[in-house]
Amino acid sequence: MSRSEVGATFESLPRLPRDEHGPVFAEPWQAQAFALAVRLSAEGHFTWTEWADTLAAQLEGAARRGQADEGFRYYEHWLAALEQLVEAKRLASAGELAERKHAWSDAYAHTPHGDPVRLR
């Protein structure tokens, strides 16, 4: 994607936290989840319209459940939408995603404070 295409795609995303320079992230995992969605779309695994629609549905569903986002949970919804698309497109199964989450949680729990978290 060109820089102008990327900028245009941001406009299609509901409530994307951003400033005058582009998307903003409070934590590294948010930037990584963002980059993964952009990359998977750029590689043709799903269209950007599919992505924006899936994210919008995730945000709307959360609001209906009384979990409306005031900005601090946006990337949790982003990640849930990404997992939904990854499963729907059969890029990974629910079991594979759960296994990876467990591996990251375990690695995090066993990493000394200040050291980077690494999977074995």
Protein backbone atom coordinates (compact mmCIF):
# COMPACT_ATOMS: atom_id res chain seq x y z
CA MET A 1 0.00 0.00 0.00
CA SER A 2 1.20 3.47 -0.78
CA ARG A 3 1.32 6.15 1.92
CA SER A 4 -1.81 7.82 0.48
CA GLU A 5 -3.65 4.48 0.38
CA VAL A 6 -2.73 3.80 4.00
CA GLY A 7 -3.95 7.26 5.00
CA ALA A 8 -7.23 6.70 3.18
CA THR A 9 -7.71 3.33 4.86
CA PHE A 10 -7.43 4.95 8.30
CA GLU A 11 -10.42 7.13 7.43
CA SER A 12 -12.55 3.98 7.03
CA LEU A 13 -11.81 2.72 10.53
CA PRO A 14 -14.35 3.52 13.22
CA ARG A 15 -12.96 5.56 16.14
CA LEU A 16 -9.28 4.83 15.41
CA PRO A 17 -7.16 6.58 18.08
CA ARG A 18 -4.95 8.98 16.13
CA ASP A 19 -3.32 12.35 16.13
CA GLU A 20 -2.19 14.60 13.26
CA HIS A 21 0.57 12.09 12.36
CA GLY A 22 -1.56 8.94 12.26
CA PRO A 23 -2.56 6.13 14.64
CA VAL A 24 -1.45 6.31 18.28
CA PHE A 25 -0.74 3.41 20.61
CA ALA A 26 -0.52 3.24 24.39
CA GLU A 27 1.37 -0.07 24.41
CA PRO A 28 3.58 -2.00 21.97
CA TRP A 29 1.09 -4.86 21.56
CA GLN A 30 -1.43 -2.38 20.15
CA ALA A 31 0.99 -1.31 17.42
CA GLN A 32 1.76 -4.95 16.67
CA ALA A 33 -1.94 -5.87 16.37
CA PHE A 34 -2.45 -2.85 14.14
CA ALA A 35 0.49 -3.80 11.92
CA LEU A 36 -0.69 -7.40 11.69
CA ALA A 37 -4.13 -6.36 10.41
CA VAL A 38 -2.54 -4.02 7.86
CA ARG A 39 -0.12 -6.73 6.72
CA LEU A 40 -2.72 -9.49 6.42
CA SER A 41 -4.93 -7.18 4.37
CA ALA A 42 -2.01 -6.08 2.16
CA GLU A 43 -1.19 -9.75 1.55
CA GLY A 44 -4.76 -10.35 0.36
CA HIS A 45 -6.04 -12.49 3.23
CA PHE A 46 -8.99 -10.09 3.58
CA THR A 47 -9.95 -6.76 2.10
CA TRP A 48 -9.69 -3.53 4.02
CA THR A 49 -13.47 -3.19 3.69
CA GLU A 50 -13.90 -6.62 5.32
CA TRP A 51 -11.57 -5.48 8.08
CA ALA A 52 -13.38 -2.18 8.69
CA ASP A 53 -16.77 -3.94 8.67
CA THR A 54 -15.59 -6.63 11.11
CA LEU A 55 -14.12 -4.05 13.46
CA ALA A 56 -17.28 -1.91 13.28
CA ALA A 57 -19.42 -4.98 14.10
CA GLN A 58 -17.13 -5.81 17.03
CA LEU A 59 -17.42 -2.27 18.40
CA GLU A 60 -21.19 -2.22 17.91
CA GLY A 61 -21.57 -5.61 19.60
CA ALA A 62 -19.51 -4.44 22.57
CA ALA A 63 -21.68 -1.34 22.88
CA ARG A 64 -24.85 -3.49 22.84
CA ARG A 65 -23.36 -5.62 25.64
CA GLY A 66 -22.75 -2.49 27.70
CA GLN A 67 -19.01 -2.52 26.95
CA ALA A 68 -18.87 0.66 24.92
CA ASP A 69 -15.35 1.88 24.32
CA GLU A 70 -14.35 5.27 25.63
CA GLY A 71 -11.01 4.96 23.87
CA PHE A 72 -8.96 2.90 26.32
CA ARG A 73 -10.25 -0.50 25.17
CA TYR A 74 -10.22 0.18 21.43
CA TYR A 75 -7.34 -2.16 20.64
CA GLU A 76 -8.88 -4.96 22.69
CA HIS A 77 -11.81 -4.75 20.26
CA TRP A 78 -9.32 -4.50 17.39
CA LEU A 79 -7.67 -7.73 18.53
CA ALA A 80 -11.03 -9.51 18.93
CA ALA A 81 -11.98 -8.47 15.38
CA LEU A 82 -8.61 -9.63 14.09
CA GLU A 83 -9.00 -13.02 15.77
CA GLN A 84 -12.50 -13.32 14.29
CA LEU A 85 -11.23 -12.69 10.77
CA VAL A 86 -8.20 -14.94 11.20
CA GLU A 87 -10.52 -17.78 12.21
CA ALA A 88 -13.09 -17.02 9.48
CA LYS A 89 -10.38 -17.00 6.82
CA ARG A 90 -8.86 -20.18 8.30
CA LEU A 91 -5.47 -18.60 8.86
CA ALA A 92 -5.49 -20.14 12.35
CA SER A 93 -8.00 -22.10 14.39
CA ALA A 94 -9.51 -21.03 17.70
CA GLY A 95 -7.38 -23.71 19.36
CA GLU A 96 -4.19 -22.42 17.75
CA LEU A 97 -5.02 -18.87 18.85
CA ALA A 98 -5.74 -20.03 22.41
CA GLU A 99 -2.47 -21.98 22.48
CA ARG A 100 -0.50 -18.93 21.33
CA LYS A 101 -2.22 -16.69 23.93
CA HIS A 102 -1.35 -19.17 26.65
CA ALA A 103 2.28 -19.30 25.49
CA TRP A 104 2.52 -15.49 25.60
CA SER A 105 0.88 -15.33 29.04
CA ASP A 106 3.27 -17.95 30.34
CA ALA A 107 6.29 -16.19 28.83
CA TYR A 108 5.14 -12.88 30.32
CA ALA A 109 4.66 -14.42 33.76
CA HIS A 110 8.18 -15.88 33.67
CA THR A 111 10.01 -12.84 32.33
CA PRO A 112 11.91 -10.68 34.82
CA HIS A 113 10.66 -7.11 35.05
CA GLY A 114 12.29 -4.92 32.42
CA ASP A 115 13.38 -7.79 30.17
CA PRO A 116 11.72 -8.29 26.77
CA VAL A 117 9.12 -11.05 26.67
CA ARG A 118 10.16 -13.86 24.33
CA LEU A 119 8.45 -17.07 23.35
CA ARG A 120 10.44 -20.25 23.66
